[in-house]
C-alpha cells in the first residue's frame, strides 16, 4: 500500500489485495 500526493493535494493510492477493491 502506497500513497502519492501532488502539490494541490490530489492523492493517488495503490495497493494489492487478494479479491477486490470493494472486498478490501
PDBML (XML) file of the C-alpha atoms, coordinates in Angstrom:
<?xml version="1.0" encoding="UTF-8" ?>
<PDBx:datablock datablockName="MODEL"
   xmlns:PDBx="http://pdbml.pdb.org/schema/pdbx-v50.xsd"
   xmlns:xsi="http://www.w3.org/2001/XMLSchema-instance"
   xsi:schemaLocation="http://pdbml.pdb.org/schema/pdbx-v50.xsd pdbx-v50.xsd">
   <PDBx:atom_siteCategory>
      <PDBx:atom_site id="1">
         <PDBx:B_iso_or_equiv>0.00</PDBx:B_iso_or_equiv>
         <PDBx:Cartn_x>0.000</PDBx:Cartn_x>
         <PDBx:Cartn_y>0.000</PDBx:Cartn_y>
         <PDBx:Cartn_z>0.000</PDBx:Cartn_z>
         <PDBx:auth_asym_id>A</PDBx:auth_asym_id>
         <PDBx:auth_atom_id>CA</PDBx:auth_atom_id>
         <PDBx:auth_comp_id>UNK</PDBx:auth_comp_id>
         <PDBx:auth_seq_id>1</PDBx:auth_seq_id>
         <PDBx:group_PDB>ATOM</PDBx:group_PDB>
         <PDBx:label_alt_id xsi:nil="true" />
         <PDBx:label_asym_id>A</PDBx:label_asym_id>
         <PDBx:label_atom_id>CA</PDBx:label_atom_id>
         <PDBx:label_comp_id>UNK</PDBx:label_comp_id>
         <PDBx:label_entity_id>1</PDBx:label_entity_id>
         <PDBx:label_seq_id>1</PDBx:label_seq_id>
         <PDBx:occupancy>1.00</PDBx:occupancy>
         <PDBx:pdbx_PDB_model_num>1</PDBx:pdbx_PDB_model_num>
         <PDBx:type_symbol>C</PDBx:type_symbol>
      </PDBx:atom_site>
      <PDBx:atom_site id="2">
         <PDBx:B_iso_or_equiv>0.00</PDBx:B_iso_or_equiv>
         <PDBx:Cartn_x>1.350</PDBx:Cartn_x>
         <PDBx:Cartn_y>3.418</PDBx:Cartn_y>
         <PDBx:Cartn_z>-1.037</PDBx:Cartn_z>
         <PDBx:auth_asym_id>A</PDBx:auth_asym_id>
         <PDBx:auth_atom_id>CA</PDBx:auth_atom_id>
         <PDBx:auth_comp_id>UNK</PDBx:auth_comp_id>
         <PDBx:auth_seq_id>2</PDBx:auth_seq_id>
         <PDBx:group_PDB>ATOM</PDBx:group_PDB>
         <PDBx:label_alt_id xsi:nil="true" />
         <PDBx:label_asym_id>A</PDBx:label_asym_id>
         <PDBx:label_atom_id>CA</PDBx:label_atom_id>
         <PDBx:label_comp_id>UNK</PDBx:label_comp_id>
         <PDBx:label_entity_id>1</PDBx:label_entity_id>
         <PDBx:label_seq_id>2</PDBx:label_seq_id>
         <PDBx:occupancy>1.00</PDBx:occupancy>
         <PDBx:pdbx_PDB_model_num>1</PDBx:pdbx_PDB_model_num>
         <PDBx:type_symbol>C</PDBx:type_symbol>
      </PDBx:atom_site>
      <PDBx:atom_site id="3">
         <PDBx:B_iso_or_equiv>0.00</PDBx:B_iso_or_equiv>
         <PDBx:Cartn_x>0.050</PDBx:Cartn_x>
         <PDBx:Cartn_y>6.985</PDBx:Cartn_y>
         <PDBx:Cartn_z>-1.240</PDBx:Cartn_z>
         <PDBx:auth_asym_id>A</PDBx:auth_asym_id>
         <PDBx:auth_atom_id>CA</PDBx:auth_atom_id>
         <PDBx:auth_comp_id>UNK</PDBx:auth_comp_id>
         <PDBx:auth_seq_id>3</PDBx:auth_seq_id>
         <PDBx:group_PDB>ATOM</PDBx:group_PDB>
         <PDBx:label_alt_id xsi:nil="true" />
         <PDBx:label_asym_id>A</PDBx:label_asym_id>
         <PDBx:label_atom_id>CA</PDBx:label_atom_id>
         <PDBx:label_comp_id>UNK</PDBx:label_comp_id>
         <PDBx:label_entity_id>1</PDBx:label_entity_id>
         <PDBx:label_seq_id>3</PDBx:label_seq_id>
         <PDBx:occupancy>1.00</PDBx:occupancy>
         <PDBx:pdbx_PDB_model_num>1</PDBx:pdbx_PDB_model_num>
         <PDBx:type_symbol>C</PDBx:type_symbol>
      </PDBx:atom_site>
      <PDBx:atom_site id="4">
         <PDBx:B_iso_or_equiv>0.00</PDBx:B_iso_or_equiv>
         <PDBx:Cartn_x>1.434</PDBx:Cartn_x>
         <PDBx:Cartn_y>9.626</PDBx:Cartn_y>
         <PDBx:Cartn_z>-3.613</PDBx:Cartn_z>
         <PDBx:auth_asym_id>A</PDBx:auth_asym_id>
         <PDBx:auth_atom_id>CA</PDBx:auth_atom_id>
         <PDBx:auth_comp_id>UNK</PDBx:auth_comp_id>
         <PDBx:auth_seq_id>4</PDBx:auth_seq_id>
         <PDBx:group_PDB>ATOM</PDBx:group_PDB>
         <PDBx:label_alt_id xsi:nil="true" />
         <PDBx:label_asym_id>A</PDBx:label_asym_id>
         <PDBx:label_atom_id>CA</PDBx:label_atom_id>
         <PDBx:label_comp_id>UNK</PDBx:label_comp_id>
         <PDBx:label_entity_id>1</PDBx:label_entity_id>
         <PDBx:label_seq_id>4</PDBx:label_seq_id>
         <PDBx:occupancy>1.00</PDBx:occupancy>
         <PDBx:pdbx_PDB_model_num>1</PDBx:pdbx_PDB_model_num>
         <PDBx:type_symbol>C</PDBx:type_symbol>
      </PDBx:atom_site>
      <PDBx:atom_site id="5">
         <PDBx:B_iso_or_equiv>0.00</PDBx:B_iso_or_equiv>
         <PDBx:Cartn_x>0.399</PDBx:Cartn_x>
         <PDBx:Cartn_y>13.298</PDBx:Cartn_y>
         <PDBx:Cartn_z>-3.435</PDBx:Cartn_z>
         <PDBx:auth_asym_id>A</PDBx:auth_asym_id>
         <PDBx:auth_atom_id>CA</PDBx:auth_atom_id>
         <PDBx:auth_comp_id>UNK</PDBx:auth_comp_id>
         <PDBx:auth_seq_id>5</PDBx:auth_seq_id>
         <PDBx:group_PDB>ATOM</PDBx:group_PDB>
         <PDBx:label_alt_id xsi:nil="true" />
         <PDBx:label_asym_id>A</PDBx:label_asym_id>
         <PDBx:label_atom_id>CA</PDBx:label_atom_id>
         <PDBx:label_comp_id>UNK</PDBx:label_comp_id>
         <PDBx:label_entity_id>1</PDBx:label_entity_id>
         <PDBx:label_seq_id>5</PDBx:label_seq_id>
         <PDBx:occupancy>1.00</PDBx:occupancy>
         <PDBx:pdbx_PDB_model_num>1</PDBx:pdbx_PDB_model_num>
         <PDBx:type_symbol>C</PDBx:type_symbol>
      </PDBx:atom_site>
      <PDBx:atom_site id="6">
         <PDBx:B_iso_or_equiv>0.00</PDBx:B_iso_or_equiv>
         <PDBx:Cartn_x>0.524</PDBx:Cartn_x>
         <PDBx:Cartn_y>16.213</PDBx:Cartn_y>
         <PDBx:Cartn_z>-5.854</PDBx:Cartn_z>
         <PDBx:auth_asym_id>A</PDBx:auth_asym_id>
         <PDBx:auth_atom_id>CA</PDBx:auth_atom_id>
         <PDBx:auth_comp_id>UNK</PDBx:auth_comp_id>
         <PDBx:auth_seq_id>6</PDBx:auth_seq_id>
         <PDBx:group_PDB>ATOM</PDBx:group_PDB>
         <PDBx:label_alt_id xsi:nil="true" />
         <PDBx:label_asym_id>A</PDBx:label_asym_id>
         <PDBx:label_atom_id>CA</PDBx:label_atom_id>
         <PDBx:label_comp_id>UNK</PDBx:label_comp_id>
         <PDBx:label_entity_id>1</PDBx:label_entity_id>
         <PDBx:label_seq_id>6</PDBx:label_seq_id>
         <PDBx:occupancy>1.00</PDBx:occupancy>
         <PDBx:pdbx_PDB_model_num>1</PDBx:pdbx_PDB_model_num>
         <PDBx:type_symbol>C</PDBx:type_symbol>
      </PDBx:atom_site>
      <PDBx:atom_site id="7">
         <PDBx:B_iso_or_equiv>0.00</PDBx:B_iso_or_equiv>
         <PDBx:Cartn_x>1.162</PDBx:Cartn_x>
         <PDBx:Cartn_y>19.783</PDBx:Cartn_y>
         <PDBx:Cartn_z>-4.671</PDBx:Cartn_z>
         <PDBx:auth_asym_id>A</PDBx:auth_asym_id>
         <PDBx:auth_atom_id>CA</PDBx:auth_atom_id>
         <PDBx:auth_comp_id>UNK</PDBx:auth_comp_id>
         <PDBx:auth_seq_id>7</PDBx:auth_seq_id>
         <PDBx:group_PDB>ATOM</PDBx:group_PDB>
         <PDBx:label_alt_id xsi:nil="true" />
         <PDBx:label_asym_id>A</PDBx:label_asym_id>
         <PDBx:label_atom_id>CA</PDBx:label_atom_id>
         <PDBx:label_comp_id>UNK</PDBx:label_comp_id>
         <PDBx:label_entity_id>1</PDBx:label_entity_id>
         <PDBx:label_seq_id>7</PDBx:label_seq_id>
         <PDBx:occupancy>1.00</PDBx:occupancy>
         <PDBx:pdbx_PDB_model_num>1</PDBx:pdbx_PDB_model_num>
         <PDBx:type_symbol>C</PDBx:type_symbol>
      </PDBx:atom_site>
      <PDBx:atom_site id="8">
         <PDBx:B_iso_or_equiv>0.00</PDBx:B_iso_or_equiv>
         <PDBx:Cartn_x>-2.570</PDBx:Cartn_x>
         <PDBx:Cartn_y>20.562</PDBx:Cartn_y>
         <PDBx:Cartn_z>-4.845</PDBx:Cartn_z>
         <PDBx:auth_asym_id>A</PDBx:auth_asym_id>
         <PDBx:auth_atom_id>CA</PDBx:auth_atom_id>
         <PDBx:auth_comp_id>UNK</PDBx:auth_comp_id>
         <PDBx:auth_seq_id>8</PDBx:auth_seq_id>
         <PDBx:group_PDB>ATOM</PDBx:group_PDB>
         <PDBx:label_alt_id xsi:nil="true" />
         <PDBx:label_asym_id>A</PDBx:label_asym_id>
         <PDBx:label_atom_id>CA</PDBx:label_atom_id>
         <PDBx:label_comp_id>UNK</PDBx:label_comp_id>
         <PDBx:label_entity_id>1</PDBx:label_entity_id>
         <PDBx:label_seq_id>8</PDBx:label_seq_id>
         <PDBx:occupancy>1.00</PDBx:occupancy>
         <PDBx:pdbx_PDB_model_num>1</PDBx:pdbx_PDB_model_num>
         <PDBx:type_symbol>C</PDBx:type_symbol>
      </PDBx:atom_site>
      <PDBx:atom_site id="9">
         <PDBx:B_iso_or_equiv>0.00</PDBx:B_iso_or_equiv>
         <PDBx:Cartn_x>-3.478</PDBx:Cartn_x>
         <PDBx:Cartn_y>17.661</PDBx:Cartn_y>
         <PDBx:Cartn_z>-2.541</PDBx:Cartn_z>
         <PDBx:auth_asym_id>A</PDBx:auth_asym_id>
         <PDBx:auth_atom_id>CA</PDBx:auth_atom_id>
         <PDBx:auth_comp_id>UNK</PDBx:auth_comp_id>
         <PDBx:auth_seq_id>9</PDBx:auth_seq_id>
         <PDBx:group_PDB>ATOM</PDBx:group_PDB>
         <PDBx:label_alt_id xsi:nil="true" />
         <PDBx:label_asym_id>A</PDBx:label_asym_id>
         <PDBx:label_atom_id>CA</PDBx:label_atom_id>
         <PDBx:label_comp_id>UNK</PDBx:label_comp_id>
         <PDBx:label_entity_id>1</PDBx:label_entity_id>
         <PDBx:label_seq_id>9</PDBx:label_seq_id>
         <PDBx:occupancy>1.00</PDBx:occupancy>
         <PDBx:pdbx_PDB_model_num>1</PDBx:pdbx_PDB_model_num>
         <PDBx:type_symbol>C</PDBx:type_symbol>
      </PDBx:atom_site>
      <PDBx:atom_site id="10">
         <PDBx:B_iso_or_equiv>0.00</PDBx:B_iso_or_equiv>
         <PDBx:Cartn_x>-4.655</PDBx:Cartn_x>
         <PDBx:Cartn_y>15.141</PDBx:Cartn_y>
         <PDBx:Cartn_z>-5.123</PDBx:Cartn_z>
         <PDBx:auth_asym_id>A</PDBx:auth_asym_id>
         <PDBx:auth_atom_id>CA</PDBx:auth_atom_id>
         <PDBx:auth_comp_id>UNK</PDBx:auth_comp_id>
         <PDBx:auth_seq_id>10</PDBx:auth_seq_id>
         <PDBx:group_PDB>ATOM</PDBx:group_PDB>
         <PDBx:label_alt_id xsi:nil="true" />
         <PDBx:label_asym_id>A</PDBx:label_asym_id>
         <PDBx:label_atom_id>CA</PDBx:label_atom_id>
         <PDBx:label_comp_id>UNK</PDBx:label_comp_id>
         <PDBx:label_entity_id>1</PDBx:label_entity_id>
         <PDBx:label_seq_id>10</PDBx:label_seq_id>
         <PDBx:occupancy>1.00</PDBx:occupancy>
         <PDBx:pdbx_PDB_model_num>1</PDBx:pdbx_PDB_model_num>
         <PDBx:type_symbol>C</PDBx:type_symbol>
      </PDBx:atom_site>
      <PDBx:atom_site id="11">
         <PDBx:B_iso_or_equiv>0.00</PDBx:B_iso_or_equiv>
         <PDBx:Cartn_x>-3.618</PDBx:Cartn_x>
         <PDBx:Cartn_y>11.719</PDBx:Cartn_y>
         <PDBx:Cartn_z>-3.805</PDBx:Cartn_z>
         <PDBx:auth_asym_id>A</PDBx:auth_asym_id>
         <PDBx:auth_atom_id>CA</PDBx:auth_atom_id>
         <PDBx:auth_comp_id>UNK</PDBx:auth_comp_id>
         <PDBx:auth_seq_id>11</PDBx:auth_seq_id>
         <PDBx:group_PDB>ATOM</PDBx:group_PDB>
         <PDBx:label_alt_id xsi:nil="true" />
         <PDBx:label_asym_id>A</PDBx:label_asym_id>
         <PDBx:label_atom_id>CA</PDBx:label_atom_id>
         <PDBx:label_comp_id>UNK</PDBx:label_comp_id>
         <PDBx:label_entity_id>1</PDBx:label_entity_id>
         <PDBx:label_seq_id>11</PDBx:label_seq_id>
         <PDBx:occupancy>1.00</PDBx:occupancy>
         <PDBx:pdbx_PDB_model_num>1</PDBx:pdbx_PDB_model_num>
         <PDBx:type_symbol>C</PDBx:type_symbol>
      </PDBx:atom_site>
      <PDBx:atom_site id="12">
         <PDBx:B_iso_or_equiv>0.00</PDBx:B_iso_or_equiv>
         <PDBx:Cartn_x>-3.069</PDBx:Cartn_x>
         <PDBx:Cartn_y>8.585</PDBx:Cartn_y>
         <PDBx:Cartn_z>-5.855</PDBx:Cartn_z>
         <PDBx:auth_asym_id>A</PDBx:auth_asym_id>
         <PDBx:auth_atom_id>CA</PDBx:auth_atom_id>
         <PDBx:auth_comp_id>UNK</PDBx:auth_comp_id>
         <PDBx:auth_seq_id>12</PDBx:auth_seq_id>
         <PDBx:group_PDB>ATOM</PDBx:group_PDB>
         <PDBx:label_alt_id xsi:nil="true" />
         <PDBx:label_asym_id>A</PDBx:label_asym_id>
         <PDBx:label_atom_id>CA</PDBx:label_atom_id>
         <PDBx:label_comp_id>UNK</PDBx:label_comp_id>
         <PDBx:label_entity_id>1</PDBx:label_entity_id>
         <PDBx:label_seq_id>12</PDBx:label_seq_id>
         <PDBx:occupancy>1.00</PDBx:occupancy>
         <PDBx:pdbx_PDB_model_num>1</PDBx:pdbx_PDB_model_num>
         <PDBx:type_symbol>C</PDBx:type_symbol>
      </PDBx:atom_site>
      <PDBx:atom_site id="13">
         <PDBx:B_iso_or_equiv>0.00</PDBx:B_iso_or_equiv>
         <PDBx:Cartn_x>-3.241</PDBx:Cartn_x>
         <PDBx:Cartn_y>5.449</PDBx:Cartn_y>
         <PDBx:Cartn_z>-3.746</PDBx:Cartn_z>
         <PDBx:auth_asym_id>A</PDBx:auth_asym_id>
         <PDBx:auth_atom_id>CA</PDBx:auth_atom_id>
         <PDBx:auth_comp_id>UNK</PDBx:auth_comp_id>
         <PDBx:auth_seq_id>13</PDBx:auth_seq_id>
         <PDBx:group_PDB>ATOM</PDBx:group_PDB>
         <PDBx:label_alt_id xsi:nil="true" />
         <PDBx:label_asym_id>A</PDBx:label_asym_id>
         <PDBx:label_atom_id>CA</PDBx:label_atom_id>
         <PDBx:label_comp_id>UNK</PDBx:label_comp_id>
         <PDBx:label_entity_id>1</PDBx:label_entity_id>
         <PDBx:label_seq_id>13</PDBx:label_seq_id>
         <PDBx:occupancy>1.00</PDBx:occupancy>
         <PDBx:pdbx_PDB_model_num>1</PDBx:pdbx_PDB_model_num>
         <PDBx:type_symbol>C</PDBx:type_symbol>
      </PDBx:atom_site>
      <PDBx:atom_site id="14">
         <PDBx:B_iso_or_equiv>0.00</PDBx:B_iso_or_equiv>
         <PDBx:Cartn_x>-2.142</PDBx:Cartn_x>
         <PDBx:Cartn_y>1.964</PDBx:Cartn_y>
         <PDBx:Cartn_z>-4.723</PDBx:Cartn_z>
         <PDBx:auth_asym_id>A</PDBx:auth_asym_id>
         <PDBx:auth_atom_id>CA</PDBx:auth_atom_id>
         <PDBx:auth_comp_id>UNK</PDBx:auth_comp_id>
         <PDBx:auth_seq_id>14</PDBx:auth_seq_id>
         <PDBx:group_PDB>ATOM</PDBx:group_PDB>
         <PDBx:label_alt_id xsi:nil="true" />
         <PDBx:label_asym_id>A</PDBx:label_asym_id>
         <PDBx:label_atom_id>CA</PDBx:label_atom_id>
         <PDBx:label_comp_id>UNK</PDBx:label_comp_id>
         <PDBx:label_entity_id>1</PDBx:label_entity_id>
         <PDBx:label_seq_id>14</PDBx:label_seq_id>
         <PDBx:occupancy>1.00</PDBx:occupancy>
         <PDBx:pdbx_PDB_model_num>1</PDBx:pdbx_PDB_model_num>
         <PDBx:type_symbol>C</PDBx:type_symbol>
      </PDBx:atom_site>
      <PDBx:atom_site id="15">
         <PDBx:B_iso_or_equiv>0.00</PDBx:B_iso_or_equiv>
         <PDBx:Cartn_x>-2.461</PDBx:Cartn_x>
         <PDBx:Cartn_y>-1.388</PDBx:Cartn_y>
         <PDBx:Cartn_z>-3.003</PDBx:Cartn_z>
         <PDBx:auth_asym_id>A</PDBx:auth_asym_id>
         <PDBx:auth_atom_id>CA</PDBx:auth_atom_id>
         <PDBx:auth_comp_id>UNK</PDBx:auth_comp_id>
         <PDBx:auth_seq_id>15</PDBx:auth_seq_id>
         <PDBx:group_PDB>ATOM</PDBx:group_PDB>
         <PDBx:label_alt_id xsi:nil="true" />
         <PDBx:label_asym_id>A</PDBx:label_asym_id>
         <PDBx:label_atom_id>CA</PDBx:label_atom_id>
         <PDBx:label_comp_id>UNK</PDBx:label_comp_id>
         <PDBx:label_entity_id>1</PDBx:label_entity_id>
         <PDBx:label_seq_id>15</PDBx:label_seq_id>
         <PDBx:occupancy>1.00</PDBx:occupancy>
         <PDBx:pdbx_PDB_model_num>1</PDBx:pdbx_PDB_model_num>
         <PDBx:type_symbol>C</PDBx:type_symbol>
      </PDBx:atom_site>
      <PDBx:atom_site id="16">
         <PDBx:B_iso_or_equiv>0.00</PDBx:B_iso_or_equiv>
         <PDBx:Cartn_x>-2.688</PDBx:Cartn_x>
         <PDBx:Cartn_y>-5.061</PDBx:Cartn_y>
         <PDBx:Cartn_z>-3.837</PDBx:Cartn_z>
         <PDBx:auth_asym_id>A</PDBx:auth_asym_id>
         <PDBx:auth_atom_id>CA</PDBx:auth_atom_id>
         <PDBx:auth_comp_id>UNK</PDBx:auth_comp_id>
         <PDBx:auth_seq_id>16</PDBx:auth_seq_id>
         <PDBx:group_PDB>ATOM</PDBx:group_PDB>
         <PDBx:label_alt_id xsi:nil="true" />
         <PDBx:label_asym_id>A</PDBx:label_asym_id>
         <PDBx:label_atom_id>CA</PDBx:label_atom_id>
         <PDBx:label_comp_id>UNK</PDBx:label_comp_id>
         <PDBx:label_entity_id>1</PDBx:label_entity_id>
         <PDBx:label_seq_id>16</PDBx:label_seq_id>
         <PDBx:occupancy>1.00</PDBx:occupancy>
         <PDBx:pdbx_PDB_model_num>1</PDBx:pdbx_PDB_model_num>
         <PDBx:type_symbol>C</PDBx:type_symbol>
      </PDBx:atom_site>
      <PDBx:atom_site id="17">
         <PDBx:B_iso_or_equiv>0.00</PDBx:B_iso_or_equiv>
         <PDBx:Cartn_x>-5.403</PDBx:Cartn_x>
         <PDBx:Cartn_y>-7.286</PDBx:Cartn_y>
         <PDBx:Cartn_z>-2.426</PDBx:Cartn_z>
         <PDBx:auth_asym_id>A</PDBx:auth_asym_id>
         <PDBx:auth_atom_id>CA</PDBx:auth_atom_id>
         <PDBx:auth_comp_id>UNK</PDBx:auth_comp_id>
         <PDBx:auth_seq_id>17</PDBx:auth_seq_id>
         <PDBx:group_PDB>ATOM</PDBx:group_PDB>
         <PDBx:label_alt_id xsi:nil="true" />
         <PDBx:label_asym_id>A</PDBx:label_asym_id>
         <PDBx:label_atom_id>CA</PDBx:label_atom_id>
         <PDBx:label_comp_id>UNK</PDBx:label_comp_id>
         <PDBx:label_entity_id>1</PDBx:label_entity_id>
         <PDBx:label_seq_id>17</PDBx:label_seq_id>
         <PDBx:occupancy>1.00</PDBx:occupancy>
         <PDBx:pdbx_PDB_model_num>1</PDBx:pdbx_PDB_model_num>
         <PDBx:type_symbol>C</PDBx:type_symbol>
      </PDBx:atom_site>
      <PDBx:atom_site id="18">
         <PDBx:B_iso_or_equiv>0.00</PDBx:B_iso_or_equiv>
         <PDBx:Cartn_x>-6.451</PDBx:Cartn_x>
         <PDBx:Cartn_y>-10.919</PDBx:Cartn_y>
         <PDBx:Cartn_z>-2.846</PDBx:Cartn_z>
         <PDBx:auth_asym_id>A</PDBx:auth_asym_id>
         <PDBx:auth_atom_id>CA</PDBx:auth_atom_id>
         <PDBx:auth_comp_id>UNK</PDBx:auth_comp_id>
         <PDBx:auth_seq_id>18</PDBx:auth_seq_id>
         <PDBx:group_PDB>ATOM</PDBx:group_PDB>
         <PDBx:label_alt_id xsi:nil="true" />
         <PDBx:label_asym_id>A</PDBx:label_asym_id>
         <PDBx:label_atom_id>CA</PDBx:label_atom_id>
         <PDBx:label_comp_id>UNK</PDBx:label_comp_id>
         <PDBx:label_entity_id>1</PDBx:label_entity_id>
         <PDBx:label_seq_id>18</PDBx:label_seq_id>
         <PDBx:occupancy>1.00</PDBx:occupancy>
         <PDBx:pdbx_PDB_model_num>1</PDBx:pdbx_PDB_model_num>
         <PDBx:type_symbol>C</PDBx:type_symbol>
      </PDBx:atom_site>
      <PDBx:atom_site id="19">
         <PDBx:B_iso_or_equiv>0.00</PDBx:B_iso_or_equiv>
         <PDBx:Cartn_x>-10.003</PDBx:Cartn_x>
         <PDBx:Cartn_y>-10.253</PDBx:Cartn_y>
         <PDBx:Cartn_z>-4.031</PDBx:Cartn_z>
         <PDBx:auth_asym_id>A</PDBx:auth_asym_id>
         <PDBx:auth_atom_id>CA</PDBx:auth_atom_id>
         <PDBx:auth_comp_id>UNK</PDBx:auth_comp_id>
         <PDBx:auth_seq_id>19</PDBx:auth_seq_id>
         <PDBx:group_PDB>ATOM</PDBx:group_PDB>
         <PDBx:label_alt_id xsi:nil="true" />
         <PDBx:label_asym_id>A</PDBx:label_asym_id>
         <PDBx:label_atom_id>CA</PDBx:label_atom_id>
         <PDBx:label_comp_id>UNK</PDBx:label_comp_id>
         <PDBx:label_entity_id>1</PDBx:label_entity_id>
         <PDBx:label_seq_id>19</PDBx:label_seq_id>
         <PDBx:occupancy>1.00</PDBx:occupancy>
         <PDBx:pdbx_PDB_model_num>1</PDBx:pdbx_PDB_model_num>
         <PDBx:type_symbol>C</PDBx:type_symbol>
      </PDBx:atom_site>
      <PDBx:atom_site id="20">
         <PDBx:B_iso_or_equiv>0.00</PDBx:B_iso_or_equiv>
         <PDBx:Cartn_x>-11.157</PDBx:Cartn_x>
         <PDBx:Cartn_y>-6.747</PDBx:Cartn_y>
         <PDBx:Cartn_z>-5.000</PDBx:Cartn_z>
         <PDBx:auth_asym_id>A</PDBx:auth_asym_id>
         <PDBx:auth_atom_id>CA</PDBx:auth_atom_id>
         <PDBx:auth_comp_id>UNK</PDBx:auth_comp_id>
         <PDBx:auth_seq_id>20</PDBx:auth_seq_id>
         <PDBx:group_PDB>ATOM</PDBx:group_PDB>
         <PDBx:label_alt_id xsi:nil="true" />
         <PDBx:label_asym_id>A</PDBx:label_asym_id>
         <PDBx:label_atom_id>CA</PDBx:label_atom_id>
         <PDBx:label_comp_id>UNK</PDBx:label_comp_id>
         <PDBx:label_entity_id>1</PDBx:label_entity_id>
         <PDBx:label_seq_id>20</PDBx:label_seq_id>
         <PDBx:occupancy>1.00</PDBx:occupancy>
         <PDBx:pdbx_PDB_model_num>1</PDBx:pdbx_PDB_model_num>
         <PDBx:type_symbol>C</PDBx:type_symbol>
      </PDBx:atom_site>
      <PDBx:atom_site id="21">
         <PDBx:B_iso_or_equiv>0.00</PDBx:B_iso_or_equiv>
         <PDBx:Cartn_x>-11.150</PDBx:Cartn_x>
         <PDBx:Cartn_y>-3.061</PDBx:Cartn_y>
         <PDBx:Cartn_z>-4.024</PDBx:Cartn_z>
         <PDBx:auth_asym_id>A</PDBx:auth_asym_id>
         <PDBx:auth_atom_id>CA</PDBx:auth_atom_id>
         <PDBx:auth_comp_id>UNK</PDBx:auth_comp_id>
         <PDBx:auth_seq_id>21</PDBx:auth_seq_id>
         <PDBx:group_PDB>ATOM</PDBx:group_PDB>
         <PDBx:label_alt_id xsi:nil="true" />
         <PDBx:label_asym_id>A</PDBx:label_asym_id>
         <PDBx:label_atom_id>CA</PDBx:label_atom_id>
         <PDBx:label_comp_id>UNK</PDBx:label_comp_id>
         <PDBx:label_entity_id>1</PDBx:label_entity_id>
         <PDBx:label_seq_id>21</PDBx:label_seq_id>
         <PDBx:occupancy>1.00</PDBx:occupancy>
         <PDBx:pdbx_PDB_model_num>1</PDBx:pdbx_PDB_model_num>
         <PDBx:type_symbol>C</PDBx:type_symbol>
      </PDBx:atom_site>
      <PDBx:atom_site id="22">
         <PDBx:B_iso_or_equiv>0.00</PDBx:B_iso_or_equiv>
         <PDBx:Cartn_x>-14.675</PDBx:Cartn_x>
         <PDBx:Cartn_y>-3.380</PDBx:Cartn_y>
         <PDBx:Cartn_z>-2.632</PDBx:Cartn_z>
         <PDBx:auth_asym_id>A</PDBx:auth_asym_id>
         <PDBx:auth_atom_id>CA</PDBx:auth_atom_id>
         <PDBx:auth_comp_id>UNK</PDBx:auth_comp_id>
         <PDBx:auth_seq_id>22</PDBx:auth_seq_id>
         <PDBx:group_PDB>ATOM</PDBx:group_PDB>
         <PDBx:label_alt_id xsi:nil="true" />
         <PDBx:label_asym_id>A</PDBx:label_asym_id>
         <PDBx:label_atom_id>CA</PDBx:label_atom_id>
         <PDBx:label_comp_id>UNK</PDBx:label_comp_id>
         <PDBx:label_entity_id>1</PDBx:label_entity_id>
         <PDBx:label_seq_id>22</PDBx:label_seq_id>
         <PDBx:occupancy>1.00</PDBx:occupancy>
         <PDBx:pdbx_PDB_model_num>1</PDBx:pdbx_PDB_model_num>
         <PDBx:type_symbol>C</PDBx:type_symbol>
      </PDBx:atom_site>
      <PDBx:atom_site id="23">
         <PDBx:B_iso_or_equiv>0.00</PDBx:B_iso_or_equiv>
         <PDBx:Cartn_x>-13.887</PDBx:Cartn_x>
         <PDBx:Cartn_y>-6.503</PDBx:Cartn_y>
         <PDBx:Cartn_z>-0.594</PDBx:Cartn_z>
         <PDBx:auth_asym_id>A</PDBx:auth_asym_id>
         <PDBx:auth_atom_id>CA</PDBx:auth_atom_id>
         <PDBx:auth_comp_id>UNK</PDBx:auth_comp_id>
         <PDBx:auth_seq_id>23</PDBx:auth_seq_id>
         <PDBx:group_PDB>ATOM</PDBx:group_PDB>
         <PDBx:label_alt_id xsi:nil="true" />
         <PDBx:label_asym_id>A</PDBx:label_asym_id>
         <PDBx:label_atom_id>CA</PDBx:label_atom_id>
         <PDBx:label_comp_id>UNK</PDBx:label_comp_id>
         <PDBx:label_entity_id>1</PDBx:label_entity_id>
         <PDBx:label_seq_id>23</PDBx:label_seq_id>
         <PDBx:occupancy>1.00</PDBx:occupancy>
         <PDBx:pdbx_PDB_model_num>1</PDBx:pdbx_PDB_model_num>
         <PDBx:type_symbol>C</PDBx:type_symbol>
      </PDBx:atom_site>
      <PDBx:atom_site id="24">
         <PDBx:B_iso_or_equiv>0.00</PDBx:B_iso_or_equiv>
         <PDBx:Cartn_x>-10.800</PDBx:Cartn_x>
         <PDBx:Cartn_y>-4.837</PDBx:Cartn_y>
         <PDBx:Cartn_z>0.937</PDBx:Cartn_z>
         <PDBx:auth_asym_id>A</PDBx:auth_asym_id>
         <PDBx:auth_atom_id>CA</PDBx:auth_atom_id>
         <PDBx:auth_comp_id>UNK</PDBx:auth_comp_id>
         <PDBx:auth_seq_id>24</PDBx:auth_seq_id>
         <PDBx:group_PDB>ATOM</PDBx:group_PDB>
         <PDBx:label_alt_id xsi:nil="true" />
         <PDBx:label_asym_id>A</PDBx:label_asym_id>
         <PDBx:label_atom_id>CA</PDBx:label_atom_id>
         <PDBx:label_comp_id>UNK</PDBx:label_comp_id>
         <PDBx:label_entity_id>1</PDBx:label_entity_id>
         <PDBx:label_seq_id>24</PDBx:label_seq_id>
         <PDBx:occupancy>1.00</PDBx:occupancy>
         <PDBx:pdbx_PDB_model_num>1</PDBx:pdbx_PDB_model_num>
         <PDBx:type_symbol>C</PDBx:type_symbol>
      </PDBx:atom_site>
   </PDBx:atom_siteCategory>
</PDBx:datablock>
